[in-house]
């Protein structure tokens, strides 16, 4: 794609419920390899359970996500690297924010 002049973007996601630090490190390493190969943009997004999914229902029953509404969608954390809510049972919010910031800095 790069040889044909196509702008290549790879959206990566971290912070899945059962994800561990080593899994995040593998994702960051994958992003670094992709950047080395010429990928133009590699944002790191936090996992967010979407309404209508089993995981959303599970987290809602545990009180880990707000009720559907403006607060829920504003809190998804796609653009906020500091207050990224972590849904991982093994990685806290502050640590996930660090990985997102470090991973994006690694790319750029």
PDB file of N, CA and C in Angstrom:
ATOM      1  N   UNK A   1       0.830  -1.189   0.000  1.00  0.00           N
ATOM      2  CA  UNK A   1       0.000   0.000   0.000  1.00  0.00           C
ATOM      3  C   UNK A   1       0.878   1.258   0.000  1.00  0.00           C
ATOM      4  N   UNK A   2       1.940   1.232   0.800  1.00  0.00           N
ATOM      5  CA  UNK A   2       2.831   2.394   0.848  1.00  0.00           C
ATOM      6  C   UNK A   2       3.478   2.648  -0.501  1.00  0.00           C
ATOM      7  N   UNK A   3       3.866   1.574  -1.190  1.00  0.00           N
ATOM      8  CA  UNK A   3       4.496   1.747  -2.510  1.00  0.00           C
ATOM      9  C   UNK A   3       3.541   2.387  -3.505  1.00  0.00           C
ATOM     10  N   UNK A   4       2.231   2.202  -3.300  1.00  0.00           N
ATOM     11  CA  UNK A   4       1.232   2.792  -4.177  1.00  0.00           C
ATOM     12  C   UNK A   4       0.803   4.184  -3.721  1.00  0.00           C
ATOM     13  N   UNK A   5       1.399   4.677  -2.636  1.00  0.00           N
ATOM     14  CA  UNK A   5       1.096   6.014  -2.156  1.00  0.00           C
ATOM     15  C   UNK A   5      -0.117   6.105  -1.246  1.00  0.00           C
ATOM     16  N   UNK A   6      -0.554   4.971  -0.728  1.00  0.00           N
ATOM     17  CA  UNK A   6      -1.721   4.961   0.154  1.00  0.00           C
ATOM     18  C   UNK A   6      -1.287   5.355   1.569  1.00  0.00           C
ATOM     19  N   UNK A   7      -2.058   6.242   2.213  1.00  0.00           N
ATOM     20  CA  UNK A   7      -1.832   6.621   3.601  1.00  0.00           C
ATOM     21  C   UNK A   7      -2.330   5.471   4.481  1.00  0.00           C
ATOM     22  N   UNK A   8      -1.421   4.844   5.219  1.00  0.00           N
ATOM     23  CA  UNK A   8      -1.749   3.660   6.007  1.00  0.00           C
ATOM     24  C   UNK A   8      -1.885   4.040   7.477  1.00  0.00           C
ATOM     25  N   UNK A   9      -2.999   3.621   8.074  1.00  0.00           N
ATOM     26  CA  UNK A   9      -3.271   3.884   9.480  1.00  0.00           C
ATOM     27  C   UNK A   9      -3.617   2.566  10.154  1.00  0.00           C
ATOM     28  N   UNK A  10      -3.102   2.369  11.367  1.00  0.00           N
ATOM     29  CA  UNK A  10      -3.407   1.165  12.137  1.00  0.00           C
ATOM     30  C   UNK A  10      -3.967   1.588  13.484  1.00  0.00           C
ATOM     31  N   UNK A  11      -5.232   1.342  13.722  1.00  0.00           N
ATOM     32  CA  UNK A  11      -5.850   1.648  15.014  1.00  0.00           C
ATOM     33  C   UNK A  11      -5.599   0.487  15.960  1.00  0.00           C
ATOM     34  N   UNK A  12      -4.936   0.769  17.079  1.00  0.00           N
ATOM     35  CA  UNK A  12      -4.649  -0.269  18.061  1.00  0.00           C
ATOM     36  C   UNK A  12      -5.447   0.010  19.326  1.00  0.00           C
ATOM     37  N   UNK A  13      -5.823  -1.045  20.016  1.00  0.00           N
ATOM     38  CA  UNK A  13      -6.633  -0.931  21.214  1.00  0.00           C
ATOM     39  C   UNK A  13      -5.954  -1.678  22.356  1.00  0.00           C
ATOM     40  N   UNK A  14      -5.926  -1.057  23.532  1.00  0.00           N
ATOM     41  CA  UNK A  14      -5.374  -1.698  24.725  1.00  0.00           C
ATOM     42  C   UNK A  14      -6.350  -1.511  25.886  1.00  0.00           C
ATOM     43  N   UNK A  15      -6.154  -2.304  26.936  1.00  0.00           N
ATOM     44  CA  UNK A  15      -6.979  -2.186  28.126  1.00  0.00           C
ATOM     45  C   UNK A  15      -8.184  -3.104  28.136  1.00  0.00           C
ATOM     46  N   UNK A  16      -8.108  -4.215  27.411  1.00  0.00           N
ATOM     47  CA  UNK A  16      -9.202  -5.194  27.429  1.00  0.00           C
ATOM     48  C   UNK A  16      -9.350  -5.781  28.834  1.00  0.00           C
ATOM     49  N   UNK A  17     -10.526  -6.271  29.197  1.00  0.00           N
ATOM     50  CA  UNK A  17     -10.782  -6.740  30.566  1.00  0.00           C
ATOM     51  C   UNK A  17      -9.773  -7.752  31.111  1.00  0.00           C
ATOM     52  N   UNK A  18      -9.318  -8.685  30.308  1.00  0.00           N
ATOM     53  CA  UNK A  18      -8.405  -9.716  30.806  1.00  0.00           C
ATOM     54  C   UNK A  18      -6.976  -9.504  30.321  1.00  0.00           C
ATOM     55  N   UNK A  19      -6.709  -8.347  29.737  1.00  0.00           N
ATOM     56  CA  UNK A  19      -5.379  -8.048  29.214  1.00  0.00           C
ATOM     57  C   UNK A  19      -4.398  -7.805  30.363  1.00  0.00           C
ATOM     58  N   UNK A  20      -3.199  -8.311  30.180  1.00  0.00           N
ATOM     59  CA  UNK A  20      -2.134  -8.134  31.172  1.00  0.00           C
ATOM     60  C   UNK A  20      -1.043  -7.250  30.576  1.00  0.00           C
ATOM     61  N   UNK A  21      -0.105  -6.864  31.407  1.00  0.00           N
ATOM     62  CA  UNK A  21       0.977  -5.969  30.956  1.00  0.00           C
ATOM     63  C   UNK A  21       1.726  -6.539  29.764  1.00  0.00           C
ATOM     64  N   UNK A  22       2.007  -7.824  29.777  1.00  0.00           N
ATOM     65  CA  UNK A  22       2.757  -8.413  28.658  1.00  0.00           C
ATOM     66  C   UNK A  22       1.967  -8.294  27.350  1.00  0.00           C
ATOM     67  N   UNK A  23       0.641  -8.371  27.432  1.00  0.00           N
ATOM     68  CA  UNK A  23      -0.182  -8.213  26.230  1.00  0.00           C
ATOM     69  C   UNK A  23      -0.074  -6.784  25.695  1.00  0.00           C
ATOM     70  N   UNK A  24      -0.082  -5.814  26.599  1.00  0.00           N
ATOM     71  CA  UNK A  24       0.067  -4.415  26.182  1.00  0.00           C
ATOM     72  C   UNK A  24       1.438  -4.210  25.551  1.00  0.00           C
ATOM     73  N   UNK A  25       2.467  -4.796  26.146  1.00  0.00           N
ATOM     74  CA  UNK A  25       3.826  -4.671  25.592  1.00  0.00           C
ATOM     75  C   UNK A  25       3.898  -5.261  24.182  1.00  0.00           C
ATOM     76  N   UNK A  26       3.204  -6.362  23.962  1.00  0.00           N
ATOM     77  CA  UNK A  26       3.177  -6.957  22.611  1.00  0.00           C
ATOM     78  C   UNK A  26       2.490  -6.026  21.623  1.00  0.00           C
ATOM     79  N   UNK A  27       1.417  -5.381  22.065  1.00  0.00           N
ATOM     80  CA  UNK A  27       0.716  -4.440  21.196  1.00  0.00           C
ATOM     81  C   UNK A  27       1.617  -3.256  20.866  1.00  0.00           C
ATOM     82  N   UNK A  28       2.322  -2.726  21.878  1.00  0.00           N
ATOM     83  CA  UNK A  28       3.239  -1.607  21.635  1.00  0.00           C
ATOM     84  C   UNK A  28       4.373  -2.016  20.698  1.00  0.00           C
ATOM     85  N   UNK A  29       4.883  -3.228  20.867  1.00  0.00           N
ATOM     86  CA  UNK A  29       5.947  -3.720  19.977  1.00  0.00           C
ATOM     87  C   UNK A  29       5.420  -3.858  18.549  1.00  0.00           C
ATOM     88  N   UNK A  30       4.195  -4.341  18.402  1.00  0.00           N
ATOM     89  CA  UNK A  30       3.584  -4.437  17.079  1.00  0.00           C
ATOM     90  C   UNK A  30       3.486  -3.050  16.444  1.00  0.00           C
ATOM     91  N   UNK A  31       3.053  -2.051  17.227  1.00  0.00           N
ATOM     92  CA  UNK A  31       2.957  -0.682  16.716  1.00  0.00           C
ATOM     93  C   UNK A  31       4.306  -0.140  16.287  1.00  0.00           C
ATOM     94  N   UNK A  32       5.357  -0.446  17.071  1.00  0.00           N
ATOM     95  CA  UNK A  32       6.711   0.007  16.716  1.00  0.00           C
ATOM     96  C   UNK A  32       7.172  -0.635  15.412  1.00  0.00           C
ATOM     97  N   UNK A  33       6.901  -1.928  15.245  1.00  0.00           N
ATOM     98  CA  UNK A  33       7.274  -2.601  13.986  1.00  0.00           C
ATOM     99  C   UNK A  33       6.504  -2.017  12.809  1.00  0.00           C
ATOM    100  N   UNK A  34       5.213  -1.744  13.021  1.00  0.00           N
ATOM    101  CA  UNK A  34       4.403  -1.170  11.941  1.00  0.00           C
ATOM    102  C   UNK A  34       4.927   0.215  11.554  1.00  0.00           C
ATOM    103  N   UNK A  35       5.311   1.005  12.556  1.00  0.00           N
ATOM    104  CA  UNK A  35       5.871   2.332  12.274  1.00  0.00           C
ATOM    105  C   UNK A  35       7.171   2.202  11.488  1.00  0.00           C
ATOM    106  N   UNK A  36       7.995   1.257  11.861  1.00  0.00           N
ATOM    107  CA  UNK A  36       9.265   1.012  11.163  1.00  0.00           C
ATOM    108  C   UNK A  36       9.017   0.651   9.698  1.00  0.00           C
ATOM    109  N   UNK A  37       7.915  -0.056   9.449  1.00  0.00           N
ATOM    110  CA  UNK A  37       7.579  -0.456   8.090  1.00  0.00           C
ATOM    111  C   UNK A  37       6.907   0.655   7.285  1.00  0.00           C
ATOM    112  N   UNK A  38       6.617   1.789   7.951  1.00  0.00           N
ATOM    113  CA  UNK A  38       6.097   2.935   7.215  1.00  0.00           C
ATOM    114  C   UNK A  38       4.652   3.298   7.470  1.00  0.00           C
ATOM    115  N   UNK A  39       3.988   2.675   8.443  1.00  0.00           N
ATOM    116  CA  UNK A  39       2.609   3.058   8.742  1.00  0.00           C
ATOM    117  C   UNK A  39       2.603   4.533   9.140  1.00  0.00           C
ATOM    118  N   UNK A  40       1.651   5.295   8.611  1.00  0.00           N
ATOM    119  CA  UNK A  40       1.624   6.739   8.796  1.00  0.00           C
ATOM    120  C   UNK A  40       1.072   7.190  10.145  1.00  0.00           C
ATOM    121  N   UNK A  41       0.153   6.462  10.710  1.00  0.00           N
ATOM    122  CA  UNK A  41      -0.474   6.872  11.966  1.00  0.00           C
ATOM    123  C   UNK A  41      -0.906   5.640  12.746  1.00  0.00           C
ATOM    124  N   UNK A  42      -0.589   5.636  14.054  1.00  0.00           N
ATOM    125  CA  UNK A  42      -0.948   4.489  14.896  1.00  0.00           C
ATOM    126  C   UNK A  42      -1.458   5.005  16.244  1.00  0.00           C
ATOM    127  N   UNK A  43      -2.738   5.407  16.303  1.00  0.00           N
ATOM    128  CA  UNK A  43      -3.277   5.821  17.598  1.00  0.00           C
ATOM    129  C   UNK A  43      -3.557   4.598  18.478  1.00  0.00           C
ATOM    130  N   UNK A  44      -3.464   4.807  19.784  1.00  0.00           N
ATOM    131  CA  UNK A  44      -3.775   3.763  20.764  1.00  0.00           C
ATOM    132  C   UNK A  44      -5.073   4.149  21.465  1.00  0.00           C
ATOM    133  N   UNK A  45      -6.093   3.367  21.278  1.00  0.00           N
ATOM    134  CA  UNK A  45      -7.381   3.647  21.894  1.00  0.00           C
ATOM    135  C   UNK A  45      -7.606   2.734  23.086  1.00  0.00           C
ATOM    136  N   UNK A  46      -8.328   3.229  24.109  1.00  0.00           N
ATOM    137  CA  UNK A  46      -8.668   2.359  25.238  1.00  0.00           C
ATOM    138  C   UNK A  46      -9.874   1.494  24.885  1.00  0.00           C
ATOM    139  N   UNK A  47      -9.898   0.277  25.406  1.00  0.00           N
ATOM    140  CA  UNK A  47     -11.082  -0.560  25.249  1.00  0.00           C
ATOM    141  C   UNK A  47     -12.238   0.090  25.989  1.00  0.00           C
ATOM    142  N   UNK A  48     -13.395   0.153  25.360  1.00  0.00           N
ATOM    143  CA  UNK A  48     -14.619   0.647  25.990  1.00  0.00           C
ATOM    144  C   UNK A  48     -15.750  -0.302  25.629  1.00  0.00           C
ATOM    145  N   UNK A  49     -16.439  -0.824  26.635  1.00  0.00           N
ATOM    146  CA  UNK A  49     -17.550  -1.732  26.332  1.00  0.00           C
ATOM    147  C   UNK A  49     -18.715  -0.959  25.717  1.00  0.00           C
ATOM    148  N   UNK A  50     -19.239  -1.465  24.642  1.00  0.00           N
ATOM    149  CA  UNK A  50     -20.323  -0.780  23.955  1.00  0.00           C
ATOM    150  C   UNK A  50     -21.670  -1.327  24.386  1.00  0.00           C
ATOM    151  N   UNK A  51     -22.666  -0.429  24.485  1.00  0.00           N
ATOM    152  CA  UNK A  51     -24.018  -0.863  24.853  1.00  0.00           C
ATOM    153  C   UNK A  51     -24.520  -1.952  23.915  1.00  0.00           C
ATOM    154  N   UNK A  52     -25.233  -2.902  24.491  1.00  0.00           N
ATOM    155  CA  UNK A  52     -25.765  -4.014  23.704  1.00  0.00           C
ATOM    156  C   UNK A  52     -24.836  -5.212  23.674  1.00  0.00           C
ATOM    157  N   UNK A  53     -23.666  -5.089  24.292  1.00  0.00           N
ATOM    158  CA  UNK A  53     -22.724  -6.216  24.331  1.00  0.00           C
ATOM    159  C   UNK A  53     -22.753  -6.863  25.713  1.00  0.00           C
ATOM    160  N   UNK A  54     -22.310  -8.086  25.769  1.00  0.00           N
ATOM    161  CA  UNK A  54     -22.242  -8.821  27.037  1.00  0.00           C
ATOM    162  C   UNK A  54     -21.330  -8.101  28.020  1.00  0.00           C
ATOM    163  N   UNK A  55     -20.198  -7.608  27.531  1.00  0.00           N
ATOM    164  CA  UNK A  55     -19.262  -6.918  28.417  1.00  0.00           C
ATOM    165  C   UNK A  55     -19.844  -5.626  28.982  1.00  0.00           C
ATOM    166  N   UNK A  56     -20.589  -4.892  28.177  1.00  0.00           N
ATOM    167  CA  UNK A  56     -21.228  -3.685  28.712  1.00  0.00           C
ATOM    168  C   UNK A  56     -22.188  -4.060  29.833  1.00  0.00           C
ATOM    169  N   UNK A  57     -23.023  -5.065  29.605  1.00  0.00           N
ATOM    170  CA  UNK A  57     -23.981  -5.495  30.631  1.00  0.00           C
ATOM    171  C   UNK A  57     -23.260  -5.934  31.902  1.00  0.00           C
ATOM    172  N   UNK A  58     -22.158  -6.658  31.739  1.00  0.00           N
ATOM    173  CA  UNK A  58     -21.373  -7.122  32.889  1.00  0.00           C
ATOM    174  C   UNK A  58     -20.812  -5.934  33.674  1.00  0.00           C
ATOM    175  N   UNK A  59     -20.194  -4.984  32.987  1.00  0.00           N
ATOM    176  CA  UNK A  59     -19.615  -3.826  33.660  1.00  0.00           C
ATOM    177  C   UNK A  59     -20.685  -2.920  34.248  1.00  0.00           C
ATOM    178  N   UNK A  60     -21.824  -2.804  33.582  1.00  0.00           N
ATOM    179  CA  UNK A  60     -22.914  -1.987  34.115  1.00  0.00           C
ATOM    180  C   UNK A  60     -23.449  -2.595  35.415  1.00  0.00           C
ATOM    181  N   UNK A  61     -23.564  -3.917  35.450  1.00  0.00           N
ATOM    182  CA  UNK A  61     -24.061  -4.571  36.668  1.00  0.00           C
ATOM    183  C   UNK A  61     -23.071  -4.429  37.826  1.00  0.00           C
ATOM    184  N   UNK A  62     -21.790  -4.261  37.517  1.00  0.00           N
ATOM    185  CA  UNK A  62     -20.759  -4.051  38.535  1.00  0.00           C
ATOM    186  C   UNK A  62     -20.587  -2.570  38.876  1.00  0.00           C
ATOM    187  N   UNK A  63     -21.294  -1.687  38.162  1.00  0.00           N
ATOM    188  CA  UNK A  63     -21.180  -0.256  38.406  1.00  0.00           C
ATOM    189  C   UNK A  63     -19.898   0.353  37.853  1.00  0.00           C
ATOM    190  N   UNK A  64     -19.273  -0.314  36.899  1.00  0.00           N
ATOM    191  CA  UNK A  64     -18.000   0.173  36.351  1.00  0.00           C
ATOM    192  C   UNK A  64     -18.172   1.106  35.154  1.00  0.00           C
ATOM    193  N   UNK A  65     -19.379   1.222  34.640  1.00  0.00           N
ATOM    194  CA  UNK A  65     -19.666   2.174  33.564  1.00  0.00           C
ATOM    195  C   UNK A  65     -20.910   2.963  33.957  1.00  0.00           C
ATOM    196  N   UNK A  66     -20.966   4.246  33.588  1.00  0.00           N
ATOM    197  CA  UNK A  66     -22.164   5.034  33.916  1.00  0.00           C
ATOM    198  C   UNK A  66     -23.340   4.604  33.046  1.00  0.00           C
ATOM    199  N   UNK A  67     -24.515   4.986  33.475  1.00  0.00           N
ATOM    200  CA  UNK A  67     -25.714   4.705  32.680  1.00  0.00           C
ATOM    201  C   UNK A  67     -25.576   5.381  31.325  1.00  0.00           C
ATOM    202  N   UNK A  68     -26.265   4.811  30.331  1.00  0.00           N
ATOM    203  CA  UNK A  68     -26.198   5.397  28.989  1.00  0.00           C
ATOM    204  C   UNK A  68     -26.680   6.838  29.006  1.00  0.00           C
ATOM    205  N   UNK A  69     -25.975   7.650  28.302  1.00  0.00           N
ATOM    206  CA  UNK A  69     -26.296   9.074  28.229  1.00  0.00           C
ATOM    207  C   UNK A  69     -25.041   9.839  27.862  1.00  0.00           C
ATOM    208  N   UNK A  70     -25.116  11.141  27.968  1.00  0.00           N
ATOM    209  CA  UNK A  70     -23.982  11.981  27.596  1.00  0.00           C
ATOM    210  C   UNK A  70     -22.735  11.656  28.409  1.00  0.00           C
ATOM    211  N   UNK A  71     -22.896  11.380  29.707  1.00  0.00           N
ATOM    212  CA  UNK A  71     -21.741  11.074  30.557  1.00  0.00           C
ATOM    213  C   UNK A  71     -21.013   9.818  30.086  1.00  0.00           C
ATOM    214  N   UNK A  72     -21.778   8.818  29.662  1.00  0.00           N
ATOM    215  CA  UNK A  72     -21.144   7.587  29.185  1.00  0.00           C
ATOM    216  C   UNK A  72     -20.289   7.878  27.955  1.00  0.00           C
ATOM    217  N   UNK A  73     -20.869   8.526  26.966  1.00  0.00           N
ATOM    218  CA  UNK A  73     -20.158   8.753  25.714  1.00  0.00           C
ATOM    219  C   UNK A  73     -19.025   9.769  25.875  1.00  0.00           C
ATOM    220  N   UNK A  74     -19.195  10.769  26.735  1.00  0.00           N
ATOM    221  CA  UNK A  74     -18.120  11.731  26.987  1.00  0.00           C
ATOM    222  C   UNK A  74     -16.957  11.067  27.723  1.00  0.00           C
ATOM    223  N   UNK A  75     -17.242  10.017  28.482  1.00  0.00           N
ATOM    224  CA  UNK A  75     -16.213   9.347  29.267  1.00  0.00           C
ATOM    225  C   UNK A  75     -15.498   8.219  28.561  1.00  0.00           C
ATOM    226  N   UNK A  76     -15.720   8.040  27.283  1.00  0.00           N
ATOM    227  CA  UNK A  76     -15.071   6.936  26.570  1.00  0.00           C
ATOM    228  C   UNK A  76     -13.556   7.096  26.534  1.00  0.00           C
ATOM    229  N   UNK A  77     -13.066   8.292  26.626  1.00  0.00           N
ATOM    230  CA  UNK A  77     -11.630   8.508  26.773  1.00  0.00           C
ATOM    231  C   UNK A  77     -10.801   8.393  25.515  1.00  0.00           C
ATOM    232  N   UNK A  78     -11.402   8.492  24.357  1.00  0.00           N
ATOM    233  CA  UNK A  78     -10.617   8.352  23.135  1.00  0.00           C
ATOM    234  C   UNK A  78      -9.577   9.449  22.975  1.00  0.00           C
ATOM    235  N   UNK A  79      -9.938  10.670  23.343  1.00  0.00           N
ATOM    236  CA  UNK A  79      -9.031  11.787  23.113  1.00  0.00           C
ATOM    237  C   UNK A  79      -8.265  12.194  24.370  1.00  0.00           C
ATOM    238  N   UNK A  80      -8.688  11.722  25.519  1.00  0.00           N
ATOM    239  CA  UNK A  80      -8.086  12.121  26.790  1.00  0.00           C
ATOM    240  C   UNK A  80      -7.062  11.083  27.222  1.00  0.00           C
ATOM    241  N   UNK A  81      -5.782  11.439  27.142  1.00  0.00           N
ATOM    242  CA  UNK A  81      -4.727  10.500  27.518  1.00  0.00           C
ATOM    243  C   UNK A  81      -4.514  10.434  29.026  1.00  0.00           C
ATOM    244  N   UNK A  82      -5.061  11.366  29.764  1.00  0.00           N
ATOM    245  CA  UNK A  82      -4.819  11.424  31.203  1.00  0.00           C
ATOM    246  C   UNK A  82      -5.867  10.653  31.999  1.00  0.00           C
ATOM    247  N   UNK A  83      -7.119  10.762  31.598  1.00  0.00           N
ATOM    248  CA  UNK A  83      -8.191  10.124  32.356  1.00  0.00           C
ATOM    249  C   UNK A  83      -8.823   8.963  31.604  1.00  0.00           C
ATOM    250  N   UNK A  84      -8.032   8.177  30.960  1.00  0.00           N
ATOM    251  CA  UNK A  84      -8.525   7.028  30.220  1.00  0.00           C
ATOM    252  C   UNK A  84      -9.042   5.976  31.194  1.00  0.00           C
ATOM    253  N   UNK A  85     -10.332   5.701  31.192  1.00  0.00           N
ATOM    254  CA  UNK A  85     -10.834   4.701  32.138  1.00  0.00           C
ATOM    255  C   UNK A  85     -10.380   3.298  31.735  1.00  0.00           C
ATOM    256  N   UNK A  86      -9.806   2.587  32.671  1.00  0.00           N
ATOM    257  CA  UNK A  86      -9.333   1.233  32.375  1.00  0.00           C
ATOM    258  C   UNK A  86     -10.416   0.219  32.713  1.00  0.00           C
ATOM    259  N   UNK A  87     -10.698  -0.653  31.781  1.00  0.00           N
ATOM    260  CA  UNK A  87     -11.632  -1.745  32.005  1.00  0.00           C
ATOM    261  C   UNK A  87     -10.890  -3.042  32.298  1.00  0.00           C
ATOM    262  N   UNK A  88      -9.567  -2.978  32.316  1.00  0.00           N
ATOM    263  CA  UNK A  88      -8.754  -4.168  32.581  1.00  0.00           C
ATOM    264  C   UNK A  88      -8.792  -4.489  34.067  1.00  0.00           C
ATOM    265  N   UNK A  89      -8.866  -5.757  34.369  1.00  0.00           N
ATOM    266  CA  UNK A  89      -8.827  -6.204  35.762  1.00  0.00           C
ATOM    267  C   UNK A  89      -7.390  -6.248  36.281  1.00  0.00           C
ATOM    268  N   UNK A  90      -6.404  -6.044  35.404  1.00  0.00           N
ATOM    269  CA  UNK A  90      -4.993  -6.158  35.771  1.00  0.00           C
ATOM    270  C   UNK A  90      -4.211  -4.860  35.616  1.00  0.00           C
ATOM    271  N   UNK A  91      -4.790  -3.875  34.928  1.00  0.00           N
ATOM    272  CA  UNK A  91      -4.090  -2.617  34.643  1.00  0.00           C
ATOM    273  C   UNK A  91      -4.988  -1.464  35.071  1.00  0.00           C
ATOM    274  N   UNK A  92      -4.489  -0.620  35.950  1.00  0.00           N
ATOM    275  CA  UNK A  92      -5.270   0.517  36.435  1.00  0.00           C
ATOM    276  C   UNK A  92      -5.325   1.664  35.439  1.00  0.00           C
ATOM    277  N   UNK A  93      -6.151   2.632  35.753  1.00  0.00           N
ATOM    278  CA  UNK A  93      -6.360   3.778  34.874  1.00  0.00           C
ATOM    279  C   UNK A  93      -5.079   4.573  34.652  1.00  0.00           C
ATOM    280  N   UNK A  94      -4.351   4.867  35.712  1.00  0.00           N
ATOM    281  CA  UNK A  94      -3.108   5.641  35.577  1.00  0.00           C
ATOM    282  C   UNK A  94      -2.077   4.888  34.737  1.00  0.00           C
ATOM    283  N   UNK A  95      -1.955   3.590  34.973  1.00  0.00           N
ATOM    284  CA  UNK A  95      -0.999   2.783  34.209  1.00  0.00           C
ATOM    285  C   UNK A  95      -1.396   2.711  32.739  1.00  0.00           C
ATOM    286  N   UNK A  96      -2.678   2.536  32.465  1.00  0.00           N
ATOM    287  CA  UNK A  96      -3.145   2.482  31.077  1.00  0.00           C
ATOM    288  C   UNK A  96      -2.871   3.813  30.376  1.00  0.00           C
ATOM    289  N   UNK A  97      -3.080   4.910  31.084  1.00  0.00           N
ATOM    290  CA  UNK A  97      -2.782   6.235  30.511  1.00  0.00           C
ATOM    291  C   UNK A  97      -1.303   6.349  30.168  1.00  0.00           C
ATOM    292  N   UNK A  98      -0.454   5.825  31.051  1.00  0.00           N
ATOM    293  CA  UNK A  98       0.981   5.836  30.780  1.00  0.00           C
ATOM    294  C   UNK A  98       1.299   5.043  29.516  1.00  0.00           C
ATOM    295  N   UNK A  99       0.736   3.845  29.386  1.00  0.00           N
ATOM    296  CA  UNK A  99       0.998   3.014  28.207  1.00  0.00           C
ATOM    297  C   UNK A  99       0.520   3.693  26.929  1.00  0.00           C
ATOM    298  N   UNK A 100      -0.633   4.343  26.979  1.00  0.00           N
ATOM    299  CA  UNK A 100      -1.130   5.041  25.787  1.00  0.00           C
ATOM    300  C   UNK A 100      -0.197   6.178  25.402  1.00  0.00           C
ATOM    301  N   UNK A 101       0.213   6.971  26.381  1.00  0.00           N
ATOM    302  CA  UNK A 101       1.095   8.103  26.110  1.00  0.00           C
ATOM    303  C   UNK A 101       2.451   7.619  25.608  1.00  0.00           C
ATOM    304  N   UNK A 102       3.018   6.636  26.295  1.00  0.00           N
ATOM    305  CA  UNK A 102       4.324   6.093  25.888  1.00  0.00           C
ATOM    306  C   UNK A 102       4.245   5.458  24.508  1.00  0.00           C
ATOM    307  N   UNK A 103       3.181   4.723  24.233  1.00  0.00           N
ATOM    308  CA  UNK A 103       3.034   4.068  22.941  1.00  0.00           C
ATOM    309  C   UNK A 103       2.901   5.067  21.804  1.00  0.00           C
ATOM    310  N   UNK A 104       2.162   6.145  22.026  1.00  0.00           N
ATOM    311  CA  UNK A 104       2.031   7.146  20.976  1.00  0.00           C
ATOM    312  C   UNK A 104       3.346   7.911  20.801  1.00  0.00           C
ATOM    313  N   UNK A 105       4.053   8.163  21.906  1.00  0.00           N
ATOM    314  CA  UNK A 105       5.363   8.823  21.810  1.00  0.00           C
ATOM    315  C   UNK A 105       6.355   7.921  21.075  1.00  0.00           C
ATOM    316  N   UNK A 106       6.284   6.639  21.341  1.00  0.00           N
ATOM    317  CA  UNK A 106       7.153   5.672  20.664  1.00  0.00           C
ATOM    318  C   UNK A 106       6.922   5.725  19.155  1.00  0.00           C
ATOM    319  N   UNK A 107       5.683   5.820  18.753  1.00  0.00           N
ATOM    320  CA  UNK A 107       5.374   5.875  17.333  1.00  0.00           C
ATOM    321  C   UNK A 107       5.928   7.147  16.706  1.00  0.00           C
ATOM    322  N   UNK A 108       5.650   8.278  17.321  1.00  0.00           N
ATOM    323  CA  UNK A 108       6.055   9.552  16.740  1.00  0.00           C
ATOM    324  C   UNK A 108       7.518   9.811  16.919  1.00  0.00           C
TER     325      UNK A 108
END
